[in-house]
N, C-alpha and C. Protein backbone atom coordinates (compact mmCIF):
# COMPACT_ATOMS: atom_id res chain seq x y z
N ASP A 1 0.80 -1.21 0.00
CA ASP A 1 0.00 0.00 0.00
C ASP A 1 0.85 1.27 0.00
N ALA A 2 2.16 1.12 0.07
CA ALA A 2 3.03 2.30 0.02
C ALA A 2 2.83 3.12 -1.25
N PRO A 3 2.63 2.47 -2.42
CA PRO A 3 2.39 3.29 -3.62
C PRO A 3 1.15 4.17 -3.48
N MET A 4 0.13 3.69 -2.77
CA MET A 4 -1.07 4.50 -2.62
C MET A 4 -0.86 5.62 -1.62
N ASP A 5 0.05 5.44 -0.68
CA ASP A 5 0.44 6.56 0.19
C ASP A 5 1.06 7.66 -0.66
N MET A 6 1.89 7.24 -1.62
CA MET A 6 2.53 8.20 -2.51
C MET A 6 1.47 8.94 -3.36
N VAL A 7 0.47 8.21 -3.85
CA VAL A 7 -0.59 8.83 -4.63
C VAL A 7 -1.37 9.83 -3.77
N ALA A 8 -1.64 9.46 -2.53
CA ALA A 8 -2.34 10.38 -1.62
C ALA A 8 -1.54 11.66 -1.43
N ASP A 9 -0.23 11.52 -1.31
CA ASP A 9 0.64 12.69 -1.17
C ASP A 9 0.60 13.57 -2.42
N VAL A 10 0.67 12.95 -3.58
CA VAL A 10 0.64 13.71 -4.83
C VAL A 10 -0.69 14.46 -4.97
N LEU A 11 -1.77 13.78 -4.61
CA LEU A 11 -3.08 14.40 -4.76
C LEU A 11 -3.38 15.48 -3.73
N ALA A 12 -3.08 15.20 -2.46
CA ALA A 12 -3.52 16.14 -1.42
C ALA A 12 -2.55 16.25 -0.26
N GLY A 13 -1.29 16.01 -0.49
CA GLY A 13 -0.30 16.04 0.58
C GLY A 13 0.28 17.43 0.82
N GLY A 14 -0.53 18.38 1.09
CA GLY A 14 -0.05 19.72 1.39
C GLY A 14 -0.61 20.76 0.45
N LYS A 15 -0.23 21.99 0.70
CA LYS A 15 -0.81 23.11 -0.05
C LYS A 15 -0.32 23.19 -1.50
N ASN A 16 0.76 22.49 -1.84
CA ASN A 16 1.24 22.46 -3.22
C ASN A 16 0.78 21.22 -3.97
N SER A 17 -0.03 20.38 -3.34
CA SER A 17 -0.49 19.16 -3.99
C SER A 17 -1.49 19.49 -5.10
N ARG A 18 -1.69 18.53 -5.98
CA ARG A 18 -2.53 18.74 -7.17
C ARG A 18 -3.94 19.19 -6.81
N LEU A 19 -4.60 18.45 -5.91
CA LEU A 19 -5.98 18.79 -5.59
C LEU A 19 -6.11 20.06 -4.76
N TYR A 20 -5.23 20.22 -3.79
CA TYR A 20 -5.31 21.41 -2.95
C TYR A 20 -5.12 22.66 -3.81
N LYS A 21 -4.10 22.63 -4.65
CA LYS A 21 -3.81 23.79 -5.49
C LYS A 21 -4.98 24.06 -6.43
N ARG A 22 -5.49 23.01 -7.03
CA ARG A 22 -6.56 23.17 -8.03
C ARG A 22 -7.88 23.59 -7.39
N LEU A 23 -8.33 22.88 -6.34
CA LEU A 23 -9.64 23.12 -5.75
C LEU A 23 -9.69 24.33 -4.82
N VAL A 24 -8.67 24.48 -4.00
CA VAL A 24 -8.69 25.53 -2.97
C VAL A 24 -8.14 26.85 -3.51
N TYR A 25 -6.98 26.81 -4.16
CA TYR A 25 -6.35 28.05 -4.62
C TYR A 25 -6.89 28.52 -5.97
N ASP A 26 -6.73 27.67 -7.00
CA ASP A 26 -7.03 28.10 -8.36
C ASP A 26 -8.53 28.32 -8.59
N MET A 27 -9.32 27.30 -8.34
CA MET A 27 -10.76 27.38 -8.63
C MET A 27 -11.57 27.96 -7.46
N GLN A 28 -11.01 27.87 -6.27
CA GLN A 28 -11.67 28.35 -5.05
C GLN A 28 -13.09 27.79 -4.87
N ILE A 29 -13.21 26.47 -5.14
CA ILE A 29 -14.51 25.82 -4.96
C ILE A 29 -14.53 24.91 -3.74
N ALA A 30 -13.38 24.73 -3.10
CA ALA A 30 -13.30 23.88 -1.90
C ALA A 30 -12.63 24.65 -0.77
N GLN A 31 -13.05 24.33 0.45
CA GLN A 31 -12.41 24.93 1.63
C GLN A 31 -11.15 24.17 2.00
N ASP A 32 -11.20 22.87 1.82
CA ASP A 32 -10.06 22.01 2.13
C ASP A 32 -10.17 20.72 1.34
N VAL A 33 -9.07 19.98 1.31
CA VAL A 33 -9.06 18.68 0.64
C VAL A 33 -7.99 17.81 1.31
N ALA A 34 -8.28 16.54 1.43
CA ALA A 34 -7.34 15.58 2.01
C ALA A 34 -7.50 14.24 1.28
N ALA A 35 -6.43 13.46 1.27
CA ALA A 35 -6.48 12.12 0.68
C ALA A 35 -5.58 11.22 1.51
N TYR A 36 -6.03 9.99 1.73
CA TYR A 36 -5.21 9.02 2.43
C TYR A 36 -5.72 7.62 2.14
N GLN A 37 -4.85 6.67 2.38
CA GLN A 37 -5.24 5.26 2.28
C GLN A 37 -4.99 4.63 3.63
N ALA A 38 -5.82 3.69 3.97
CA ALA A 38 -5.69 3.00 5.25
C ALA A 38 -5.59 1.50 5.00
N SER A 39 -4.51 0.92 5.44
CA SER A 39 -4.31 -0.53 5.31
C SER A 39 -4.90 -1.22 6.52
N GLN A 40 -5.58 -2.30 6.25
CA GLN A 40 -6.12 -3.14 7.31
C GLN A 40 -5.72 -4.57 7.02
N THR A 41 -6.00 -5.46 7.91
CA THR A 41 -5.58 -6.84 7.76
C THR A 41 -6.14 -7.48 6.49
N LEU A 42 -7.43 -7.35 6.27
CA LEU A 42 -8.05 -8.03 5.13
C LEU A 42 -8.43 -7.10 3.99
N SER A 43 -8.34 -5.82 4.19
CA SER A 43 -8.68 -4.90 3.11
C SER A 43 -8.05 -3.54 3.39
N SER A 44 -8.17 -2.68 2.43
CA SER A 44 -7.68 -1.31 2.57
C SER A 44 -8.68 -0.40 1.90
N TYR A 45 -8.55 0.87 2.18
CA TYR A 45 -9.39 1.81 1.46
C TYR A 45 -8.62 3.09 1.20
N PHE A 46 -9.06 3.78 0.15
CA PHE A 46 -8.46 5.05 -0.25
C PHE A 46 -9.56 6.08 -0.21
N LEU A 47 -9.28 7.21 0.41
CA LEU A 47 -10.32 8.21 0.62
C LEU A 47 -9.82 9.58 0.17
N ILE A 48 -10.65 10.26 -0.57
CA ILE A 48 -10.41 11.67 -0.89
C ILE A 48 -11.58 12.44 -0.28
N GLN A 49 -11.24 13.42 0.52
CA GLN A 49 -12.27 14.19 1.22
C GLN A 49 -12.08 15.67 0.89
N ALA A 50 -13.14 16.31 0.45
CA ALA A 50 -13.09 17.74 0.15
C ALA A 50 -14.38 18.40 0.64
N THR A 51 -14.25 19.59 1.16
CA THR A 51 -15.40 20.35 1.63
C THR A 51 -15.67 21.48 0.65
N ALA A 52 -16.88 21.47 0.08
CA ALA A 52 -17.24 22.50 -0.90
C ALA A 52 -17.42 23.85 -0.21
N ARG A 53 -16.99 24.89 -0.87
CA ARG A 53 -17.24 26.26 -0.39
C ARG A 53 -18.71 26.57 -0.60
N PRO A 54 -19.25 27.48 0.19
CA PRO A 54 -20.65 27.88 -0.02
C PRO A 54 -20.87 28.32 -1.48
N GLY A 55 -21.97 27.84 -2.04
CA GLY A 55 -22.29 28.17 -3.42
C GLY A 55 -21.77 27.16 -4.42
N HIS A 56 -21.02 26.14 -3.95
CA HIS A 56 -20.49 25.11 -4.84
C HIS A 56 -21.01 23.74 -4.40
N THR A 57 -21.01 22.80 -5.31
CA THR A 57 -21.61 21.49 -5.04
C THR A 57 -20.56 20.38 -5.00
N VAL A 58 -20.98 19.27 -4.43
CA VAL A 58 -20.15 18.07 -4.39
C VAL A 58 -19.87 17.60 -5.82
N GLU A 59 -20.85 17.74 -6.71
CA GLU A 59 -20.68 17.31 -8.09
C GLU A 59 -19.55 18.09 -8.77
N GLU A 60 -19.46 19.39 -8.50
CA GLU A 60 -18.36 20.19 -9.05
C GLU A 60 -17.02 19.65 -8.57
N LEU A 61 -16.93 19.37 -7.29
CA LEU A 61 -15.69 18.85 -6.71
C LEU A 61 -15.34 17.50 -7.34
N LYS A 62 -16.34 16.65 -7.45
CA LYS A 62 -16.11 15.30 -7.97
C LYS A 62 -15.56 15.33 -9.39
N LYS A 63 -16.08 16.21 -10.23
CA LYS A 63 -15.59 16.30 -11.61
C LYS A 63 -14.11 16.68 -11.65
N VAL A 64 -13.74 17.65 -10.86
CA VAL A 64 -12.33 18.09 -10.84
C VAL A 64 -11.44 17.00 -10.25
N ILE A 65 -11.90 16.37 -9.18
CA ILE A 65 -11.13 15.29 -8.54
C ILE A 65 -10.92 14.15 -9.53
N ASP A 66 -11.97 13.75 -10.24
CA ASP A 66 -11.84 12.67 -11.22
C ASP A 66 -10.83 13.01 -12.31
N LYS A 67 -10.81 14.25 -12.77
CA LYS A 67 -9.84 14.66 -13.80
C LYS A 67 -8.41 14.61 -13.26
N GLU A 68 -8.23 15.01 -12.03
CA GLU A 68 -6.89 14.97 -11.43
C GLU A 68 -6.42 13.53 -11.22
N ILE A 69 -7.34 12.65 -10.86
CA ILE A 69 -6.99 11.23 -10.71
C ILE A 69 -6.56 10.67 -12.07
N GLU A 70 -7.24 11.04 -13.13
CA GLU A 70 -6.85 10.60 -14.47
C GLU A 70 -5.43 11.07 -14.81
N LYS A 71 -5.11 12.30 -14.44
CA LYS A 71 -3.78 12.84 -14.70
C LYS A 71 -2.71 12.08 -13.91
N VAL A 72 -3.02 11.72 -12.68
CA VAL A 72 -2.07 10.95 -11.87
C VAL A 72 -1.89 9.56 -12.47
N ALA A 73 -2.96 8.97 -12.98
CA ALA A 73 -2.86 7.66 -13.63
C ALA A 73 -1.94 7.74 -14.85
N GLU A 74 -2.07 8.83 -15.62
CA GLU A 74 -1.19 9.03 -16.77
C GLU A 74 0.27 9.14 -16.32
N LEU A 75 0.51 9.84 -15.22
CA LEU A 75 1.86 9.97 -14.68
C LEU A 75 2.42 8.61 -14.26
N LEU A 76 1.55 7.78 -13.69
CA LEU A 76 1.96 6.44 -13.27
C LEU A 76 2.41 5.61 -14.47
N LEU A 77 1.64 5.68 -15.54
CA LEU A 77 2.01 4.94 -16.74
C LEU A 77 3.32 5.48 -17.33
N LYS A 78 3.51 6.79 -17.27
CA LYS A 78 4.77 7.39 -17.76
C LYS A 78 5.95 6.98 -16.87
N ALA A 79 5.71 6.85 -15.57
CA ALA A 79 6.78 6.45 -14.65
C ALA A 79 7.31 5.06 -15.00
N ALA A 80 6.46 4.23 -15.56
CA ALA A 80 6.89 2.88 -15.95
C ALA A 80 7.90 2.91 -17.09
N ASP A 81 8.01 4.04 -17.76
CA ASP A 81 8.98 4.20 -18.86
C ASP A 81 10.18 5.05 -18.46
N HIS A 82 10.29 5.38 -17.20
CA HIS A 82 11.36 6.26 -16.71
C HIS A 82 12.73 5.60 -16.92
N THR A 83 13.76 6.41 -17.06
CA THR A 83 15.10 5.86 -17.26
C THR A 83 15.67 5.23 -15.99
N ASP A 84 15.22 5.65 -14.82
CA ASP A 84 15.72 5.13 -13.55
C ASP A 84 15.00 3.81 -13.20
N VAL A 85 15.78 2.78 -12.99
CA VAL A 85 15.23 1.45 -12.67
C VAL A 85 14.37 1.50 -11.41
N LYS A 86 14.81 2.25 -10.39
CA LYS A 86 14.04 2.32 -9.14
C LYS A 86 12.66 2.93 -9.37
N VAL A 87 12.57 3.89 -10.24
CA VAL A 87 11.28 4.52 -10.55
C VAL A 87 10.39 3.51 -11.28
N ARG A 88 10.97 2.77 -12.22
CA ARG A 88 10.18 1.76 -12.94
C ARG A 88 9.68 0.67 -12.00
N LEU A 89 10.53 0.26 -11.05
CA LEU A 89 10.10 -0.75 -10.07
C LEU A 89 8.94 -0.23 -9.22
N GLN A 90 9.04 1.02 -8.76
CA GLN A 90 7.94 1.60 -7.99
C GLN A 90 6.66 1.67 -8.83
N ALA A 91 6.82 1.96 -10.11
CA ALA A 91 5.67 2.00 -11.00
C ALA A 91 5.03 0.61 -11.11
N VAL A 92 5.85 -0.43 -11.18
CA VAL A 92 5.32 -1.80 -11.22
C VAL A 92 4.50 -2.07 -9.97
N TYR A 93 5.03 -1.74 -8.81
CA TYR A 93 4.32 -1.98 -7.55
C TYR A 93 3.01 -1.20 -7.50
N ALA A 94 3.05 0.03 -7.99
CA ALA A 94 1.83 0.85 -7.98
C ALA A 94 0.81 0.32 -9.00
N LEU A 95 1.27 -0.05 -10.18
CA LEU A 95 0.36 -0.56 -11.21
C LEU A 95 -0.30 -1.87 -10.78
N THR A 96 0.39 -2.65 -9.96
CA THR A 96 -0.15 -3.95 -9.56
C THR A 96 -0.93 -3.88 -8.25
N SER A 97 -1.11 -2.69 -7.73
CA SER A 97 -1.94 -2.51 -6.54
C SER A 97 -3.39 -2.77 -6.92
N GLY A 98 -4.13 -3.38 -6.05
CA GLY A 98 -5.55 -3.64 -6.30
C GLY A 98 -6.33 -2.39 -6.63
N TRP A 99 -5.83 -1.24 -6.17
CA TRP A 99 -6.50 0.03 -6.46
C TRP A 99 -6.49 0.34 -7.95
N ASN A 100 -5.55 -0.24 -8.65
CA ASN A 100 -5.37 0.11 -10.07
C ASN A 100 -5.85 -0.98 -11.01
N LYS A 101 -6.71 -1.87 -10.53
CA LYS A 101 -7.23 -2.94 -11.37
C LYS A 101 -7.86 -2.45 -12.66
N GLU A 102 -8.56 -1.37 -12.57
CA GLU A 102 -9.31 -0.86 -13.73
C GLU A 102 -8.55 0.23 -14.49
N LEU A 103 -7.29 0.45 -14.17
CA LEU A 103 -6.52 1.52 -14.82
C LEU A 103 -6.35 1.22 -16.31
N PRO A 104 -6.91 2.06 -17.18
CA PRO A 104 -6.75 1.83 -18.63
C PRO A 104 -5.27 1.84 -19.01
N GLY A 105 -4.84 0.80 -19.68
CA GLY A 105 -3.46 0.70 -20.13
C GLY A 105 -2.52 0.07 -19.13
N GLY A 106 -3.00 -0.17 -17.91
CA GLY A 106 -2.15 -0.74 -16.86
C GLY A 106 -1.66 -2.14 -17.18
N ALA A 107 -2.57 -3.02 -17.59
CA ALA A 107 -2.19 -4.40 -17.91
C ALA A 107 -1.22 -4.43 -19.09
N ALA A 108 -1.51 -3.66 -20.12
CA ALA A 108 -0.63 -3.63 -21.30
C ALA A 108 0.76 -3.12 -20.92
N LYS A 109 0.83 -2.13 -20.05
CA LYS A 109 2.13 -1.60 -19.62
C LYS A 109 2.91 -2.66 -18.85
N LEU A 110 2.24 -3.40 -17.97
CA LEU A 110 2.91 -4.45 -17.19
C LEU A 110 3.42 -5.56 -18.10
N ILE A 111 2.63 -5.93 -19.09
CA ILE A 111 3.06 -6.96 -20.03
C ILE A 111 4.30 -6.49 -20.79
N SER A 112 4.27 -5.26 -21.23
CA SER A 112 5.42 -4.69 -21.94
C SER A 112 6.66 -4.68 -21.05
N LEU A 113 6.51 -4.29 -19.80
CA LEU A 113 7.64 -4.28 -18.88
C LEU A 113 8.19 -5.70 -18.66
N ALA A 114 7.29 -6.66 -18.50
CA ALA A 114 7.71 -8.05 -18.26
C ALA A 114 8.45 -8.63 -19.47
N GLU A 115 8.05 -8.22 -20.65
CA GLU A 115 8.66 -8.79 -21.86
C GLU A 115 9.88 -8.02 -22.36
N LYS A 116 9.89 -6.69 -22.16
CA LYS A 116 10.89 -5.90 -22.88
C LYS A 116 11.79 -5.02 -22.03
N ASP A 117 11.53 -4.87 -20.74
CA ASP A 117 12.35 -3.94 -19.97
C ASP A 117 13.80 -4.40 -19.97
N ALA A 118 14.71 -3.44 -20.01
CA ALA A 118 16.15 -3.73 -20.06
C ALA A 118 16.65 -4.35 -18.76
N ASP A 119 15.97 -4.07 -17.64
CA ASP A 119 16.43 -4.55 -16.35
C ASP A 119 15.70 -5.85 -15.96
N PRO A 120 16.45 -6.91 -15.67
CA PRO A 120 15.79 -8.18 -15.30
C PRO A 120 14.94 -8.06 -14.04
N GLY A 121 15.35 -7.23 -13.09
CA GLY A 121 14.57 -7.07 -11.86
C GLY A 121 13.19 -6.49 -12.14
N VAL A 122 13.12 -5.54 -13.07
CA VAL A 122 11.83 -4.95 -13.45
C VAL A 122 10.99 -6.00 -14.17
N ARG A 123 11.61 -6.76 -15.08
CA ARG A 123 10.87 -7.82 -15.80
C ARG A 123 10.30 -8.83 -14.82
N HIS A 124 11.12 -9.26 -13.87
CA HIS A 124 10.67 -10.25 -12.89
C HIS A 124 9.55 -9.71 -12.02
N ALA A 125 9.71 -8.48 -11.54
CA ALA A 125 8.68 -7.87 -10.68
C ALA A 125 7.36 -7.72 -11.44
N ALA A 126 7.43 -7.29 -12.69
CA ALA A 126 6.21 -7.12 -13.48
C ALA A 126 5.49 -8.46 -13.64
N CYS A 127 6.25 -9.50 -13.91
CA CYS A 127 5.65 -10.82 -14.10
C CYS A 127 5.06 -11.36 -12.79
N GLU A 128 5.79 -11.20 -11.71
CA GLU A 128 5.32 -11.72 -10.43
C GLU A 128 4.10 -10.96 -9.89
N TYR A 129 4.18 -9.65 -9.87
CA TYR A 129 3.13 -8.87 -9.22
C TYR A 129 1.91 -8.63 -10.10
N ALA A 130 2.03 -8.83 -11.41
CA ALA A 130 0.86 -8.67 -12.29
C ALA A 130 -0.27 -9.61 -11.89
N GLY A 131 0.08 -10.76 -11.34
CA GLY A 131 -0.93 -11.72 -10.90
C GLY A 131 -1.88 -11.15 -9.86
N ASN A 132 -1.43 -10.12 -9.12
CA ASN A 132 -2.30 -9.48 -8.12
C ASN A 132 -3.59 -8.95 -8.73
N LEU A 133 -3.53 -8.60 -10.00
CA LEU A 133 -4.69 -7.99 -10.65
C LEU A 133 -5.69 -9.02 -11.15
N GLY A 134 -5.25 -10.27 -11.33
CA GLY A 134 -6.16 -11.32 -11.76
C GLY A 134 -6.73 -11.09 -13.16
N ASP A 135 -6.01 -10.39 -14.00
CA ASP A 135 -6.49 -10.04 -15.33
C ASP A 135 -6.10 -11.13 -16.32
N LYS A 136 -7.06 -11.66 -17.05
CA LYS A 136 -6.79 -12.72 -18.02
C LYS A 136 -5.83 -12.27 -19.13
N ALA A 137 -5.66 -10.97 -19.30
CA ALA A 137 -4.73 -10.46 -20.31
C ALA A 137 -3.30 -10.94 -20.04
N PHE A 138 -3.00 -11.35 -18.80
CA PHE A 138 -1.66 -11.81 -18.47
C PHE A 138 -1.41 -13.27 -18.82
N MET A 139 -2.45 -14.02 -19.12
CA MET A 139 -2.28 -15.45 -19.37
C MET A 139 -1.32 -15.76 -20.54
N PRO A 140 -1.41 -15.07 -21.68
CA PRO A 140 -0.42 -15.36 -22.74
C PRO A 140 1.02 -15.10 -22.28
N LEU A 141 1.21 -14.06 -21.48
CA LEU A 141 2.55 -13.77 -20.93
C LEU A 141 3.00 -14.94 -20.06
N TYR A 142 2.14 -15.40 -19.17
CA TYR A 142 2.52 -16.50 -18.28
C TYR A 142 2.74 -17.79 -19.06
N GLU A 143 1.94 -18.03 -20.07
CA GLU A 143 2.13 -19.23 -20.89
C GLU A 143 3.51 -19.20 -21.57
N LYS A 144 3.83 -18.05 -22.13
CA LYS A 144 5.12 -17.90 -22.84
C LYS A 144 6.30 -17.98 -21.88
N GLN A 145 6.24 -17.25 -20.78
CA GLN A 145 7.37 -17.15 -19.87
C GLN A 145 7.60 -18.41 -19.04
N THR A 146 6.58 -19.25 -18.90
CA THR A 146 6.77 -20.49 -18.13
C THR A 146 6.93 -21.71 -19.04
N ALA A 147 6.97 -21.49 -20.34
CA ALA A 147 7.12 -22.60 -21.28
C ALA A 147 8.53 -23.18 -21.22
N THR A 148 9.48 -22.39 -20.75
CA THR A 148 10.87 -22.85 -20.65
C THR A 148 11.46 -22.38 -19.32
N THR A 149 12.44 -23.10 -18.85
CA THR A 149 13.12 -22.70 -17.60
C THR A 149 14.51 -22.15 -17.89
N ASP A 150 14.74 -21.70 -19.11
CA ASP A 150 16.06 -21.15 -19.47
C ASP A 150 16.45 -20.00 -18.54
N ASP A 151 15.51 -19.11 -18.26
CA ASP A 151 15.73 -18.01 -17.32
C ASP A 151 15.01 -18.41 -16.03
N LYS A 152 15.74 -19.04 -15.14
CA LYS A 152 15.13 -19.61 -13.93
C LYS A 152 14.46 -18.54 -13.06
N ASP A 153 15.06 -17.36 -12.97
CA ASP A 153 14.46 -16.30 -12.15
C ASP A 153 13.14 -15.81 -12.74
N MET A 154 13.10 -15.67 -14.07
CA MET A 154 11.87 -15.24 -14.72
C MET A 154 10.80 -16.32 -14.59
N TYR A 155 11.20 -17.56 -14.76
CA TYR A 155 10.27 -18.67 -14.59
C TYR A 155 9.67 -18.64 -13.19
N ALA A 156 10.52 -18.49 -12.18
CA ALA A 156 10.04 -18.46 -10.79
C ALA A 156 9.10 -17.27 -10.55
N ALA A 157 9.46 -16.10 -11.07
CA ALA A 157 8.62 -14.91 -10.89
C ALA A 157 7.26 -15.10 -11.53
N CYS A 158 7.25 -15.67 -12.73
CA CYS A 158 5.98 -15.88 -13.43
C CYS A 158 5.14 -16.97 -12.77
N MET A 159 5.78 -17.98 -12.21
CA MET A 159 5.02 -19.00 -11.47
C MET A 159 4.38 -18.38 -10.23
N LYS A 160 5.10 -17.48 -9.57
CA LYS A 160 4.51 -16.76 -8.42
C LYS A 160 3.33 -15.91 -8.88
N GLY A 161 3.48 -15.27 -10.03
CA GLY A 161 2.38 -14.48 -10.59
C GLY A 161 1.17 -15.33 -10.90
N LEU A 162 1.42 -16.52 -11.44
CA LEU A 162 0.31 -17.45 -11.71
C LEU A 162 -0.43 -17.80 -10.43
N VAL A 163 0.32 -18.08 -9.38
CA VAL A 163 -0.32 -18.42 -8.10
C VAL A 163 -1.20 -17.26 -7.63
N LYS A 164 -0.69 -16.04 -7.77
CA LYS A 164 -1.47 -14.87 -7.35
C LYS A 164 -2.74 -14.72 -8.19
N MET A 165 -2.73 -15.24 -9.41
CA MET A 165 -3.92 -15.17 -10.26
C MET A 165 -5.06 -16.02 -9.71
N PHE A 166 -4.73 -17.09 -8.99
CA PHE A 166 -5.81 -17.95 -8.49
C PHE A 166 -5.85 -18.06 -6.97
N HIS A 167 -4.85 -17.52 -6.27
CA HIS A 167 -4.81 -17.67 -4.81
C HIS A 167 -4.13 -16.45 -4.20
N ASN A 168 -4.82 -15.32 -4.22
CA ASN A 168 -4.23 -14.08 -3.73
C ASN A 168 -4.66 -13.85 -2.29
N TYR A 169 -3.90 -14.39 -1.35
CA TYR A 169 -4.18 -14.27 0.07
C TYR A 169 -4.00 -12.83 0.52
N PRO A 170 -4.75 -12.26 1.40
CA PRO A 170 -5.77 -12.89 2.24
C PRO A 170 -7.19 -12.75 1.71
N LEU A 171 -7.41 -11.95 0.67
CA LEU A 171 -8.79 -11.71 0.23
C LEU A 171 -9.28 -12.69 -0.83
N PHE A 172 -8.37 -13.38 -1.48
CA PHE A 172 -8.73 -14.33 -2.52
C PHE A 172 -9.62 -13.68 -3.59
N GLU A 173 -9.23 -12.45 -3.98
CA GLU A 173 -9.99 -11.72 -5.00
C GLU A 173 -9.73 -12.25 -6.40
N THR A 174 -8.67 -13.00 -6.56
CA THR A 174 -8.32 -13.52 -7.88
C THR A 174 -8.49 -15.02 -7.88
N LEU A 175 -9.47 -15.49 -8.59
CA LEU A 175 -9.77 -16.92 -8.61
C LEU A 175 -9.82 -17.41 -10.05
N ASP A 176 -8.73 -17.26 -10.78
CA ASP A 176 -8.70 -17.59 -12.20
C ASP A 176 -8.37 -19.07 -12.40
N GLU A 177 -9.35 -19.81 -12.92
CA GLU A 177 -9.18 -21.25 -13.10
C GLU A 177 -8.13 -21.57 -14.17
N SER A 178 -8.05 -20.74 -15.21
CA SER A 178 -7.06 -21.01 -16.26
C SER A 178 -5.64 -20.86 -15.72
N ALA A 179 -5.43 -19.93 -14.80
CA ALA A 179 -4.11 -19.77 -14.18
C ALA A 179 -3.79 -20.99 -13.33
N TYR A 180 -4.77 -21.48 -12.61
CA TYR A 180 -4.60 -22.67 -11.78
C TYR A 180 -4.21 -23.88 -12.65
N LYS A 181 -4.91 -24.05 -13.76
CA LYS A 181 -4.64 -25.18 -14.65
C LYS A 181 -3.24 -25.06 -15.28
N LEU A 182 -2.86 -23.86 -15.68
CA LEU A 182 -1.53 -23.68 -16.26
C LEU A 182 -0.46 -23.94 -15.20
N PHE A 183 -0.68 -23.49 -14.00
CA PHE A 183 0.27 -23.73 -12.91
C PHE A 183 0.46 -25.23 -12.69
N LEU A 184 -0.64 -25.97 -12.62
CA LEU A 184 -0.54 -27.43 -12.44
C LEU A 184 0.15 -28.09 -13.62
N LYS A 185 -0.15 -27.61 -14.83
CA LYS A 185 0.50 -28.17 -16.02
C LYS A 185 2.00 -27.95 -15.97
N ARG A 186 2.41 -26.74 -15.59
CA ARG A 186 3.85 -26.45 -15.52
C ARG A 186 4.53 -27.27 -14.43
N LEU A 187 3.85 -27.50 -13.34
CA LEU A 187 4.43 -28.36 -12.28
C LEU A 187 4.62 -29.78 -12.78
N SER A 188 3.69 -30.25 -13.58
CA SER A 188 3.83 -31.63 -14.08
C SER A 188 4.86 -31.70 -15.23
N ASP A 189 5.03 -30.59 -15.97
CA ASP A 189 5.98 -30.55 -17.10
C ASP A 189 7.42 -30.38 -16.66
N LYS A 190 7.64 -29.59 -15.62
CA LYS A 190 8.99 -29.18 -15.21
C LYS A 190 9.35 -29.80 -13.86
N PRO A 191 10.63 -30.09 -13.69
CA PRO A 191 11.04 -30.58 -12.37
C PRO A 191 10.87 -29.49 -11.32
N ARG A 192 10.52 -29.86 -10.12
CA ARG A 192 10.27 -28.87 -9.05
C ARG A 192 11.55 -28.27 -8.50
N SER A 193 12.68 -28.74 -8.94
CA SER A 193 13.94 -28.21 -8.43
C SER A 193 14.29 -26.87 -9.07
N VAL A 194 13.48 -26.40 -10.02
CA VAL A 194 13.78 -25.15 -10.71
C VAL A 194 13.58 -23.99 -9.79
């Protein structure tokens, strides 16, 4: 959930944050704005709270907030292409957060990182953590990357990703039967010493 703490900071972490500057200073339609995420044992939540100034509505605030969230999502996708490996890794962790399941372009970006990134650590992380999203778009990637054990680290990362596709503890939000079947097939095809 650390990536979502970062998003909360970008959106409303002080008077220079995107939402505070836009809603309170520039447009003057809100009295205040705050954003935070709270991690719990079995779930988490992300909250954006803004108080409308007299004469303005919640609907006005919501439209501006939604546009700023879209802009942050675009920044997240751009971060995945950053020249710094550490930034790309953080982008992988943020993209694979359950909060970003519906992020347009997120799955495609993760697949691209897993297949083409210059850094093996980024490729491995993208393959492993993509399973958190439970998106069937990852199945061709997992089929391809687990077809051979030539790159043992990539194979291991993708097998972990497959497990997350069908057994994502503690909420079990991802119950993909095709991932389960591929995982079993790979276990029967390959020696377990890999």
